[in-house]
Amino acid sequence: MPAIQKSVRIQERTYKEIERIARESGKEFSSVVNELLDESVRTQRCPGIVFTEGATGRRARIAGTGIEVWELIAMYRSVDEDPNRLRQAYHWLTEQQIGSALCYFRAYPEEINRLIEQNEELTRERVHEKYPFLPTGNR
């Protein structure tokens, strides 16, 4: 996606925090700014979604849970997109939490579909191929 150059004034405390994040993550300052702005726009569009760092990078999660949005959407598909069955499967989530995940999926389907596909590609064989040092559980 093409970048647009804009001049923005940032409060000093915000600037220092972004510098700290960039330094700790090893990323460029502008890369961190773009990531934070993108996430802010997404959470503004879909309240109840947060972004957290995981083993495979930053992912959209349902606020107050450890559940990534793609996980709930994969379950939603597995119950034939039946909202009642989804609520039964995730009975501990509120209507608002489920609604936030569905909102995020509708707004960013390419991202969620890609994550679901990546997860579906993780077979025991592929994991062993990529990480041969891990135990297979077949002993």
C-alpha atoms as a PDB file:
ATOM      1  CA  MET A   1       0.000   0.000   0.000  1.00  0.00           C
ATOM      2  CA  PRO A   2       1.455   3.414  -0.907  1.00  0.00           C
ATOM      3  CA  ALA A   3       2.518   5.607   1.983  1.00  0.00           C
ATOM      4  CA  ILE A   4       1.454   9.204   2.335  1.00  0.00           C
ATOM      5  CA  GLN A   5       3.787  11.629   4.011  1.00  0.00           C
ATOM      6  CA  LYS A   6       2.141  13.934   6.555  1.00  0.00           C
ATOM      7  CA  SER A   7       3.530  16.179   9.226  1.00  0.00           C
ATOM      8  CA  VAL A   8       2.009  15.518  12.642  1.00  0.00           C
ATOM      9  CA  ARG A   9       2.750  17.098  15.989  1.00  0.00           C
ATOM     10  CA  ILE A  10       3.065  14.520  18.761  1.00  0.00           C
ATOM     11  CA  GLN A  11       3.080  15.216  22.474  1.00  0.00           C
ATOM     12  CA  GLU A  12       6.499  14.655  24.002  1.00  0.00           C
ATOM     13  CA  ARG A  13       5.361  11.846  26.298  1.00  0.00           C
ATOM     14  CA  THR A  14       3.778  10.028  23.341  1.00  0.00           C
ATOM     15  CA  TYR A  15       6.929  10.508  21.277  1.00  0.00           C
ATOM     16  CA  LYS A  16       9.088   9.082  24.083  1.00  0.00           C
ATOM     17  CA  GLU A  17       6.775   6.083  24.480  1.00  0.00           C
ATOM     18  CA  ILE A  18       6.878   5.348  20.751  1.00  0.00           C
ATOM     19  CA  GLU A  19      10.676   5.655  20.827  1.00  0.00           C
ATOM     20  CA  ARG A  20      10.782   3.163  23.707  1.00  0.00           C
ATOM     21  CA  ILE A  21       8.548   0.690  21.855  1.00  0.00           C
ATOM     22  CA  ALA A  22      10.656   1.044  18.703  1.00  0.00           C
ATOM     23  CA  ARG A  23      13.893   0.523  20.616  1.00  0.00           C
ATOM     24  CA  GLU A  24      12.591  -2.525  22.513  1.00  0.00           C
ATOM     25  CA  SER A  25      11.033  -4.125  19.443  1.00  0.00           C
ATOM     26  CA  GLY A  26      13.913  -3.335  17.117  1.00  0.00           C
ATOM     27  CA  LYS A  27      11.520  -1.670  14.685  1.00  0.00           C
ATOM     28  CA  GLU A  28      11.838   1.689  12.961  1.00  0.00           C
ATOM     29  CA  PHE A  29      10.034   4.612  14.603  1.00  0.00           C
ATOM     30  CA  SER A  30       7.745   5.169  11.592  1.00  0.00           C
ATOM     31  CA  SER A  31       6.893   1.464  11.474  1.00  0.00           C
ATOM     32  CA  VAL A  32       5.784   1.546  15.114  1.00  0.00           C
ATOM     33  CA  VAL A  33       3.767   4.729  14.537  1.00  0.00           C
ATOM     34  CA  ASN A  34       1.986   3.154  11.549  1.00  0.00           C
ATOM     35  CA  GLU A  35       1.254  -0.033  13.490  1.00  0.00           C
ATOM     36  CA  LEU A  36      -0.153   1.910  16.452  1.00  0.00           C
ATOM     37  CA  LEU A  37      -2.257   4.163  14.227  1.00  0.00           C
ATOM     38  CA  ASP A  38      -3.641   1.200  12.302  1.00  0.00           C
ATOM     39  CA  GLU A  39      -4.555  -0.617  15.508  1.00  0.00           C
ATOM     40  CA  SER A  40      -6.146   2.528  16.909  1.00  0.00           C
ATOM     41  CA  VAL A  41      -8.321   2.920  13.809  1.00  0.00           C
ATOM     42  CA  ARG A  42      -9.325  -0.743  14.007  1.00  0.00           C
ATOM     43  CA  THR A  43     -10.257  -0.586  17.691  1.00  0.00           C
ATOM     44  CA  GLN A  44     -12.192   2.626  17.050  1.00  0.00           C
ATOM     45  CA  ARG A  45     -14.097   0.851  14.278  1.00  0.00           C
ATOM     46  CA  CYS A  46     -14.649  -2.320  16.353  1.00  0.00           C
ATOM     47  CA  PRO A  47     -14.851  -1.482  20.074  1.00  0.00           C
ATOM     48  CA  GLY A  48     -14.072  -4.477  22.252  1.00  0.00           C
ATOM     49  CA  ILE A  49     -11.103  -5.596  20.167  1.00  0.00           C
ATOM     50  CA  VAL A  50      -7.546  -5.220  21.433  1.00  0.00           C
ATOM     51  CA  PHE A  51      -4.170  -6.083  19.945  1.00  0.00           C
ATOM     52  CA  THR A  52      -1.635  -8.100  21.869  1.00  0.00           C
ATOM     53  CA  GLU A  53       1.781  -9.464  21.120  1.00  0.00           C
ATOM     54  CA  GLY A  54       1.951 -13.211  20.720  1.00  0.00           C
ATOM     55  CA  ALA A  55       4.424 -15.807  19.530  1.00  0.00           C
ATOM     56  CA  THR A  56       3.552 -15.000  15.916  1.00  0.00           C
ATOM     57  CA  GLY A  57       3.201 -11.221  16.189  1.00  0.00           C
ATOM     58  CA  ARG A  58       0.426  -8.834  17.096  1.00  0.00           C
ATOM     59  CA  ARG A  59      -3.070 -10.207  16.711  1.00  0.00           C
ATOM     60  CA  ALA A  60      -6.615  -8.972  17.200  1.00  0.00           C
ATOM     61  CA  ARG A  61      -8.174 -10.438  20.335  1.00  0.00           C
ATOM     62  CA  ILE A  62     -11.475 -10.120  22.120  1.00  0.00           C
ATOM     63  CA  ALA A  63     -10.908  -7.701  25.010  1.00  0.00           C
ATOM     64  CA  GLY A  64     -10.831  -9.336  28.413  1.00  0.00           C
ATOM     65  CA  THR A  65     -10.031 -12.774  26.978  1.00  0.00           C
ATOM     66  CA  GLY A  66      -7.115 -14.598  25.464  1.00  0.00           C
ATOM     67  CA  ILE A  67      -9.215 -15.484  22.433  1.00  0.00           C
ATOM     68  CA  GLU A  68      -8.011 -14.306  19.064  1.00  0.00           C
ATOM     69  CA  VAL A  69     -10.739 -13.129  16.701  1.00  0.00           C
ATOM     70  CA  TRP A  70      -9.851 -15.746  14.080  1.00  0.00           C
ATOM     71  CA  GLU A  71     -10.441 -18.531  16.645  1.00  0.00           C
ATOM     72  CA  LEU A  72     -13.996 -17.410  17.316  1.00  0.00           C
ATOM     73  CA  ILE A  73     -14.689 -16.969  13.605  1.00  0.00           C
ATOM     74  CA  ALA A  74     -13.349 -20.452  12.848  1.00  0.00           C
ATOM     75  CA  MET A  75     -15.787 -21.820  15.441  1.00  0.00           C
ATOM     76  CA  TYR A  76     -18.571 -19.667  13.968  1.00  0.00           C
ATOM     77  CA  ARG A  77     -17.991 -21.321  10.617  1.00  0.00           C
ATOM     78  CA  SER A  78     -17.849 -24.790  12.154  1.00  0.00           C
ATOM     79  CA  VAL A  79     -21.342 -24.287  13.636  1.00  0.00           C
ATOM     80  CA  ASP A  80     -22.711 -23.234  10.235  1.00  0.00           C
ATOM     81  CA  GLU A  81     -22.650 -19.567  11.252  1.00  0.00           C
ATOM     82  CA  ASP A  82     -25.443 -20.170  13.755  1.00  0.00           C
ATOM     83  CA  PRO A  83     -25.217 -17.415  16.392  1.00  0.00           C
ATOM     84  CA  ASN A  84     -27.028 -19.506  19.015  1.00  0.00           C
ATOM     85  CA  ARG A  85     -24.605 -22.408  18.633  1.00  0.00           C
ATOM     86  CA  LEU A  86     -21.696 -19.972  18.736  1.00  0.00           C
ATOM     87  CA  ARG A  87     -23.006 -18.506  22.011  1.00  0.00           C
ATOM     88  CA  GLN A  88     -23.287 -22.045  23.408  1.00  0.00           C
ATOM     89  CA  ALA A  89     -19.714 -22.831  22.377  1.00  0.00           C
ATOM     90  CA  TYR A  90     -18.466 -19.619  23.995  1.00  0.00           C
ATOM     91  CA  HIS A  91     -21.026 -19.422  26.789  1.00  0.00           C
ATOM     92  CA  TRP A  92     -18.692 -17.390  29.025  1.00  0.00           C
ATOM     93  CA  LEU A  93     -18.450 -14.528  26.504  1.00  0.00           C
ATOM     94  CA  THR A  94     -20.921 -11.654  26.546  1.00  0.00           C
ATOM     95  CA  GLU A  95     -23.050 -10.689  23.568  1.00  0.00           C
ATOM     96  CA  GLN A  96     -20.867  -7.592  23.214  1.00  0.00           C
ATOM     97  CA  GLN A  97     -17.649  -9.649  23.066  1.00  0.00           C
ATOM     98  CA  ILE A  98     -19.042 -11.956  20.402  1.00  0.00           C
ATOM     99  CA  GLY A  99     -20.449  -8.968  18.527  1.00  0.00           C
ATOM    100  CA  SER A 100     -17.063  -7.249  18.587  1.00  0.00           C
ATOM    101  CA  ALA A 101     -15.377 -10.290  17.036  1.00  0.00           C
ATOM    102  CA  LEU A 102     -18.048 -10.558  14.332  1.00  0.00           C
ATOM    103  CA  CYS A 103     -17.728  -6.821  13.658  1.00  0.00           C
ATOM    104  CA  TYR A 104     -13.965  -7.174  13.270  1.00  0.00           C
ATOM    105  CA  PHE A 105     -14.380 -10.107  10.910  1.00  0.00           C
ATOM    106  CA  ARG A 106     -16.827  -8.172   8.739  1.00  0.00           C
ATOM    107  CA  ALA A 107     -14.455  -5.200   8.638  1.00  0.00           C
ATOM    108  CA  TYR A 108     -11.242  -7.186   8.028  1.00  0.00           C
ATOM    109  CA  PRO A 109     -12.195 -10.523   6.436  1.00  0.00           C
ATOM    110  CA  GLU A 110      -8.936 -10.934   4.482  1.00  0.00           C
ATOM    111  CA  GLU A 111      -6.867 -10.851   7.672  1.00  0.00           C
ATOM    112  CA  ILE A 112      -9.105 -13.302   9.529  1.00  0.00           C
ATOM    113  CA  ASN A 113      -9.409 -15.674   6.553  1.00  0.00           C
ATOM    114  CA  ARG A 114      -5.611 -15.704   6.171  1.00  0.00           C
ATOM    115  CA  LEU A 115      -5.133 -16.585   9.852  1.00  0.00           C
ATOM    116  CA  ILE A 116      -7.731 -19.357   9.676  1.00  0.00           C
ATOM    117  CA  GLU A 117      -6.039 -20.788   6.575  1.00  0.00           C
ATOM    118  CA  GLN A 118      -2.633 -20.660   8.273  1.00  0.00           C
ATOM    119  CA  ASN A 119      -4.026 -22.527  11.257  1.00  0.00           C
ATOM    120  CA  GLU A 120      -5.672 -25.168   9.057  1.00  0.00           C
ATOM    121  CA  GLU A 121      -2.318 -25.788   7.342  1.00  0.00           C
ATOM    122  CA  LEU A 122      -0.713 -26.758  10.654  1.00  0.00           C
ATOM    123  CA  THR A 123      -0.756 -30.519  10.502  1.00  0.00           C
ATOM    124  CA  ARG A 124       1.391 -32.677  12.761  1.00  0.00           C
ATOM    125  CA  GLU A 125       3.617 -33.453   9.785  1.00  0.00           C
ATOM    126  CA  ARG A 126       4.110 -29.805   8.821  1.00  0.00           C
ATOM    127  CA  VAL A 127       4.913 -28.810  12.393  1.00  0.00           C
ATOM    128  CA  HIS A 128       7.463 -31.626  12.643  1.00  0.00           C
ATOM    129  CA  GLU A 129       8.930 -30.628   9.276  1.00  0.00           C
ATOM    130  CA  LYS A 130       9.340 -27.023  10.413  1.00  0.00           C
ATOM    131  CA  TYR A 131      10.382 -27.844  14.002  1.00  0.00           C
ATOM    132  CA  PRO A 132      12.020 -31.295  13.931  1.00  0.00           C
ATOM    133  CA  PHE A 133      13.425 -30.819  17.446  1.00  0.00           C
ATOM    134  CA  LEU A 134       9.941 -30.804  19.019  1.00  0.00           C
ATOM    135  CA  PRO A 135       8.631 -34.099  20.421  1.00  0.00           C
ATOM    136  CA  THR A 136       5.952 -35.648  18.228  1.00  0.00           C
ATOM    137  CA  GLY A 137       3.981 -37.358  20.953  1.00  0.00           C
ATOM    138  CA  ASN A 138       4.152 -40.659  19.064  1.00  0.00           C
ATOM    139  CA  ARG A 139       6.587 -42.324  21.452  1.00  0.00           C
END
